[in-house]
Amino acid sequence: MMAKNIELNNGELMPAIGLGTWRADESGVLAQTIKTAVNLGYRHIDCAKIYGNQEEIGKALKEVGVPRKDLYIVSKFYQNKHRPELVAGALDEILDELQLDYLDLLLMHWPYAIKPEIGTITFSSIDIEDVPIMDTWRAMEDLVSTGKVRSIGVSNFNQAVLEKMIPQCRIVPAVNQVEIHPYNQEKELVKFCKKSGIAVTGYCPLGGTKINVMNDNFIKHVAEAHIGTPAQVALSWALARGIAVIPKSTNEIRLKQNLHQVTLTSDEMRMIGKIDKHERKVDPAREYKELEWVFHEDKMECPVI
């Protein structure tokens, strides 16, 4: 069974399964992966400026032979473009790289800003700057009326920030993209987002380096019971929770497998719910104490919203 669409709070439809492109920068391989994925039925492609591969993705999208209206393209602008006067230009840069006239969804990649002159993922604590999230968000809200973006949302936002942000929004975020897999289930955040009308997309839905979801004994047991793969179980578990997923693979067989769900029983869902280890692949707090609040709300007061 293939997953369907998730309706966003503005009525737009987002395909529930997408293709992740983070660290998919092998020259030539990524372009072929995009073409293969679209040929298999993928329509949702997740991108970001900082991934450094949008030009190759854009060239591949021109060659897939699928009308633009049938694709769902997501991108995120980097933290060095949070000053409100830089946001429109950040979108234009993304559109130029992807060779598109509009995005289906634009996300604020992280809820903190760094200085505009920092253009890489390597930065120091002194490069973090205080740009209120709502200043950046209001600039994003202004982009919707330009026709260059259909929906706007956020990524890596916790509940504490969203609670302060939502009452001030003219446009409530359509999506919050966060790390979600059976070892990092984000139950309270997902519940809050759903209550607030915010769809959730789970990145790293299969875990990853040192996050051994695919080797979990129970996940493997369920996969065997359904004559499926551990990846299909992890993705089906998230989809059954109403969460969109953006797994990354360059392997055609796995790309095809990841599109198809297995139907998990209520007991299997409940048991998978018990293996949450609160283990993250992505956590800036490990490098910058100033950013502990992003994923550890009890460690530090979040900045001005």
Protein backbone atom coordinates (compact mmCIF):
# COMPACT_ATOMS: atom_id res chain seq x y z
CA MET A 1 0.00 0.00 0.00
CA MET A 2 1.36 3.42 -0.95
CA ALA A 3 0.95 6.39 1.35
CA LYS A 4 -1.32 9.21 0.27
CA ASN A 5 -1.31 12.95 0.91
CA ILE A 6 -1.40 14.98 4.09
CA GLU A 7 -3.70 18.01 3.98
CA LEU A 8 -2.05 21.14 5.35
CA ASN A 9 -3.82 23.89 7.29
CA ASN A 10 -4.15 26.00 4.13
CA GLY A 11 -5.78 23.19 2.12
CA GLU A 12 -2.63 22.30 0.16
CA LEU A 13 -1.82 18.59 -0.18
CA MET A 14 1.66 17.30 0.68
CA PRO A 15 2.65 13.76 -0.37
CA ALA A 16 3.20 11.72 2.80
CA ILE A 17 6.39 10.10 1.50
CA GLY A 18 9.18 12.20 0.08
CA LEU A 19 12.80 11.83 -0.94
CA GLY A 20 15.41 13.26 1.40
CA THR A 21 18.49 14.83 -0.17
CA TRP A 22 20.65 15.70 2.86
CA ARG A 23 24.24 14.57 2.25
CA ALA A 24 23.17 13.29 -1.14
CA ASP A 25 25.84 15.23 -2.99
CA GLU A 26 27.74 12.64 -4.97
CA SER A 27 28.05 14.19 -8.42
CA GLY A 28 25.86 12.41 -10.94
CA VAL A 29 24.48 9.98 -8.38
CA LEU A 30 22.01 12.48 -6.96
CA ALA A 31 20.67 13.46 -10.39
CA GLN A 32 20.10 9.84 -11.30
CA THR A 33 18.48 9.20 -7.91
CA ILE A 34 16.01 12.06 -8.49
CA LYS A 35 15.10 10.69 -11.91
CA THR A 36 14.75 7.13 -10.60
CA ALA A 37 12.65 8.24 -7.63
CA VAL A 38 10.25 10.27 -9.75
CA ASN A 39 9.95 7.39 -12.20
CA LEU A 40 9.02 5.11 -9.27
CA GLY A 41 6.31 7.50 -8.10
CA TYR A 42 7.98 9.95 -5.70
CA ARG A 43 6.59 13.45 -6.08
CA HIS A 44 7.78 15.09 -2.83
CA ILE A 45 11.45 16.16 -2.93
CA ASP A 46 12.99 17.69 0.20
CA CYS A 47 15.86 20.13 -0.30
CA ALA A 48 17.79 22.84 1.57
CA LYS A 49 20.19 25.62 0.64
CA ILE A 50 22.87 24.39 3.02
CA TYR A 51 22.91 20.91 1.47
CA GLY A 52 24.83 22.44 -1.41
CA ASN A 53 23.20 20.25 -4.06
CA GLN A 54 20.17 22.19 -5.28
CA GLU A 55 21.68 23.03 -8.68
CA GLU A 56 22.05 19.34 -9.48
CA ILE A 57 18.53 18.68 -8.21
CA GLY A 58 17.20 21.51 -10.37
CA LYS A 59 18.83 20.12 -13.50
CA ALA A 60 17.41 16.66 -12.77
CA LEU A 61 13.91 18.04 -12.21
CA LYS A 62 14.03 19.60 -15.68
CA GLU A 63 14.61 16.14 -17.14
CA VAL A 64 12.10 13.98 -15.24
CA GLY A 65 9.25 14.50 -17.68
CA VAL A 66 6.68 15.20 -14.97
CA PRO A 67 4.69 18.49 -15.01
CA ARG A 68 5.74 20.95 -12.31
CA LYS A 69 2.22 20.98 -10.87
CA ASP A 70 2.53 17.27 -10.09
CA LEU A 71 5.70 17.71 -8.05
CA TYR A 72 5.93 18.88 -4.43
CA ILE A 73 9.23 20.68 -3.85
CA VAL A 74 10.35 21.73 -0.37
CA SER A 75 13.39 23.77 0.57
CA LYS A 76 14.83 25.52 3.61
CA PHE A 77 16.84 28.72 3.90
CA TYR A 78 19.94 28.79 6.06
CA GLN A 79 20.37 30.53 9.41
CA ASN A 80 22.48 33.31 7.87
CA LYS A 81 19.36 34.67 6.13
CA HIS A 82 17.18 35.29 9.19
CA ARG A 83 17.37 39.07 9.11
CA PRO A 84 13.99 40.01 7.62
CA GLU A 85 15.52 42.04 4.80
CA LEU A 86 17.39 38.92 3.62
CA VAL A 87 14.50 36.43 3.53
CA ALA A 88 13.08 37.30 0.10
CA GLY A 89 16.54 37.10 -1.43
CA ALA A 90 17.09 33.73 0.25
CA LEU A 91 14.00 32.37 -1.51
CA ASP A 92 15.14 33.80 -4.84
CA GLU A 93 18.52 32.07 -4.46
CA ILE A 94 16.78 28.75 -3.82
CA LEU A 95 14.49 29.18 -6.82
CA ASP A 96 17.43 30.07 -9.05
CA GLU A 97 19.36 26.96 -7.98
CA LEU A 98 16.37 24.68 -8.44
CA GLN A 99 15.34 26.43 -11.69
CA LEU A 100 11.79 26.83 -10.40
CA ASP A 101 9.24 29.63 -10.42
CA TYR A 102 7.84 28.67 -7.03
CA LEU A 103 8.24 26.32 -4.05
CA ASP A 104 5.42 24.26 -2.65
CA LEU A 105 6.84 24.69 0.84
CA LEU A 106 9.54 26.96 2.30
CA LEU A 107 10.88 26.20 5.77
CA MET A 108 12.92 28.17 8.29
CA HIS A 109 15.64 25.55 8.76
CA TRP A 110 16.45 26.30 12.41
CA PRO A 111 14.96 28.57 15.08
CA TYR A 112 18.19 30.53 15.56
CA ALA A 113 20.20 32.95 13.45
CA ILE A 114 23.87 33.32 12.58
CA LYS A 115 25.65 36.28 11.02
CA PRO A 116 25.04 36.79 7.28
CA GLU A 117 28.72 36.40 6.39
CA ILE A 118 28.78 32.80 7.68
CA GLY A 119 27.99 30.56 4.72
CA THR A 120 28.92 27.11 5.96
CA ILE A 121 27.74 24.71 8.66
CA THR A 122 30.93 25.52 10.58
CA PHE A 123 30.51 28.48 12.87
CA SER A 124 31.38 29.53 16.40
CA SER A 125 29.32 30.78 19.32
CA ILE A 126 30.18 34.39 18.52
CA ASP A 127 28.54 33.95 15.12
CA ILE A 128 25.10 33.34 16.67
CA GLU A 129 23.03 36.51 16.57
CA ASP A 130 19.79 37.65 18.14
CA VAL A 131 17.22 37.98 15.37
CA PRO A 132 13.70 37.51 16.77
CA ILE A 133 12.01 34.51 15.18
CA MET A 134 8.86 36.52 14.51
CA ASP A 135 10.78 39.11 12.49
CA THR A 136 11.97 36.32 10.20
CA TRP A 137 8.53 34.69 10.14
CA ARG A 138 6.72 37.90 9.19
CA ALA A 139 9.07 38.24 6.23
CA MET A 140 8.15 34.68 5.26
CA GLU A 141 4.45 35.49 5.57
CA ASP A 142 4.94 38.33 3.07
CA LEU A 143 6.34 35.86 0.53
CA VAL A 144 3.08 33.91 0.23
CA SER A 145 1.33 36.73 -1.61
CA THR A 146 4.13 36.90 -4.21
CA GLY A 147 3.21 33.49 -5.62
CA LYS A 148 6.78 32.28 -5.18
CA VAL A 149 5.81 29.92 -2.37
CA ARG A 150 2.55 28.07 -1.68
CA SER A 151 3.09 27.21 1.99
CA ILE A 152 5.52 28.21 4.74
CA GLY A 153 6.68 26.31 7.78
CA VAL A 154 9.49 25.62 10.20
CA SER A 155 12.03 22.96 10.99
CA ASN A 156 13.58 21.85 14.29
CA PHE A 157 11.12 23.94 16.33
CA ASN A 158 10.22 22.71 19.81
CA GLN A 159 6.90 23.13 21.58
CA ALA A 160 8.06 26.00 23.82
CA VAL A 161 8.97 28.13 20.81
CA LEU A 162 5.81 27.25 18.89
CA GLU A 163 3.62 28.10 21.87
CA LYS A 164 5.06 31.62 21.96
CA MET A 165 5.06 31.99 18.20
CA ILE A 166 1.61 30.82 17.11
CA PRO A 167 -0.46 33.58 18.80
CA GLN A 168 1.62 36.17 16.93
CA CYS A 169 1.28 34.56 13.49
CA ARG A 170 -0.83 35.88 10.65
CA ILE A 171 -0.12 32.55 8.94
CA VAL A 172 0.34 29.57 11.26
CA PRO A 173 3.20 27.30 10.12
CA ALA A 174 1.88 24.61 7.79
CA VAL A 175 4.61 22.13 8.69
CA ASN A 176 7.22 21.47 11.38
CA GLN A 177 10.00 19.22 10.11
CA VAL A 178 11.85 17.45 12.92
CA GLU A 179 13.90 14.30 13.53
CA ILE A 180 11.48 11.43 14.15
CA HIS A 181 12.13 7.70 14.18
CA PRO A 182 11.31 4.88 16.64
CA TYR A 183 14.29 5.85 18.81
CA ASN A 184 13.23 9.53 18.91
CA GLN A 185 9.45 9.62 18.82
CA GLU A 186 8.63 13.20 19.90
CA LYS A 187 5.23 12.15 21.22
CA GLU A 188 4.38 15.40 23.01
CA LEU A 189 5.61 17.62 20.18
CA VAL A 190 3.64 15.66 17.57
CA LYS A 191 0.52 15.84 19.74
CA PHE A 192 0.93 19.60 20.18
CA CYS A 193 1.52 20.21 16.45
CA LYS A 194 -1.57 18.21 15.50
CA LYS A 195 -3.67 20.12 18.02
CA SER A 196 -2.34 23.38 16.56
CA GLY A 197 -3.04 22.39 12.96
CA ILE A 198 0.63 21.98 12.07
CA ALA A 199 1.57 18.93 9.99
CA VAL A 200 4.74 17.09 10.99
CA THR A 201 7.43 15.77 8.66
CA GLY A 202 9.96 13.38 10.13
CA TYR A 203 13.53 13.59 8.85
CA CYS A 204 16.04 10.78 9.48
CA PRO A 205 12.99 8.48 9.76
CA LEU A 206 15.24 5.40 9.62
CA GLY A 207 17.66 6.64 12.28
CA GLY A 208 21.17 6.72 10.91
CA THR A 209 24.76 6.66 12.07
CA LYS A 210 24.88 5.31 15.65
CA ILE A 211 21.06 5.33 15.75
CA ASN A 212 20.51 1.62 15.16
CA VAL A 213 16.79 1.57 14.42
CA MET A 214 17.26 -0.81 11.49
CA ASN A 215 19.04 -3.29 13.76
CA ASP A 216 16.48 -3.16 16.56
CA ASN A 217 15.39 -6.72 17.37
CA PHE A 218 11.69 -5.87 17.66
CA ILE A 219 11.68 -3.82 14.44
CA LYS A 220 13.32 -6.74 12.64
CA HIS A 221 10.82 -9.18 14.18
CA VAL A 222 7.88 -7.10 12.94
CA ALA A 223 9.46 -6.82 9.50
CA GLU A 224 9.79 -10.59 9.27
CA ALA A 225 6.17 -11.05 10.38
CA HIS A 226 4.99 -8.77 7.56
CA ILE A 227 7.46 -10.11 4.99
CA GLY A 228 8.85 -6.60 4.76
CA THR A 229 11.96 -4.65 5.63
CA PRO A 230 12.90 -2.87 8.88
CA ALA A 231 12.79 0.37 6.89
CA GLN A 232 9.22 -0.30 5.80
CA VAL A 233 8.25 -0.92 9.42
CA ALA A 234 9.85 2.32 10.66
CA LEU A 235 8.26 4.35 7.87
CA SER A 236 4.85 2.68 8.25
CA TRP A 237 4.94 3.38 12.00
CA ALA A 238 5.47 7.11 11.35
CA LEU A 239 2.89 7.25 8.57
CA ALA A 240 0.34 5.53 10.82
CA ARG A 241 0.88 8.40 13.28
CA GLY A 242 0.00 10.89 10.53
CA ILE A 243 3.62 11.97 10.08
CA ALA A 244 5.14 12.56 6.63
CA VAL A 245 8.54 10.96 6.05
CA ILE A 246 11.50 11.84 3.83
CA PRO A 247 13.86 8.84 3.79
CA LYS A 248 17.05 9.12 1.75
CA SER A 249 18.41 6.35 -0.45
CA THR A 250 20.29 6.12 -3.71
CA ASN A 251 19.48 2.42 -4.15
CA GLU A 252 16.64 1.75 -6.60
CA ILE A 253 15.40 -1.34 -4.77
CA ARG A 254 15.23 0.48 -1.43
CA LEU A 255 13.66 3.52 -3.07
CA LYS A 256 10.89 1.27 -4.36
CA GLN A 257 10.48 -0.55 -1.03
CA ASN A 258 10.26 2.71 0.91
CA LEU A 259 7.23 3.79 -1.09
CA HIS A 260 5.16 0.85 0.14
CA GLN A 261 3.75 0.49 3.63
CA VAL A 262 3.06 -2.55 5.76
CA THR A 263 -0.09 -2.50 7.88
CA LEU A 264 0.97 -2.63 11.52
CA THR A 265 -1.35 -3.99 14.20
CA SER A 266 -2.35 -1.90 17.20
CA ASP A 267 -0.15 -4.11 19.39
CA GLU A 268 2.83 -3.59 17.09
CA MET A 269 2.28 0.18 17.16
CA ARG A 270 2.05 0.09 20.95
CA MET A 271 5.22 -1.99 21.31
CA ILE A 272 7.20 0.20 18.93
CA GLY A 273 6.03 3.13 21.03
CA LYS A 274 7.88 1.59 23.98
CA ILE A 275 11.32 1.52 22.34
CA ASP A 276 11.77 5.30 22.38
CA LYS A 277 15.33 6.05 23.54
CA HIS A 278 15.33 9.83 22.94
CA GLU A 279 18.40 9.35 20.76
CA ARG A 280 19.08 12.04 18.15
CA LYS A 281 21.29 12.02 15.11
CA VAL A 282 21.13 15.82 14.85
CA ASP A 283 21.67 17.95 17.95
CA PRO A 284 23.49 21.33 17.84
CA ALA A 285 23.63 21.38 21.65
CA ARG A 286 26.42 18.83 21.45
CA GLU A 287 28.62 21.54 19.92
CA TYR A 288 27.15 24.83 21.10
CA LYS A 289 25.94 25.23 24.66
CA GLU A 290 24.10 28.37 23.57
CA LEU A 291 21.78 26.18 21.49
CA GLU A 292 20.78 23.70 24.18
CA TRP A 293 17.30 25.19 24.21
CA VAL A 294 16.61 23.98 20.66
CA PHE A 295 16.26 20.33 21.72
CA HIS A 296 16.54 20.54 25.49
CA GLU A 297 13.91 22.98 26.62
CA ASP A 298 14.74 22.55 30.31
CA LYS A 299 18.40 23.52 29.88
CA MET A 300 18.12 27.12 28.78
CA GLU A 301 15.53 29.79 28.24
CA CYS A 302 14.68 30.11 24.56
CA PRO A 303 15.43 33.43 22.87
CA VAL A 304 13.13 36.33 22.07
CA ILE A 305 10.34 35.17 19.79
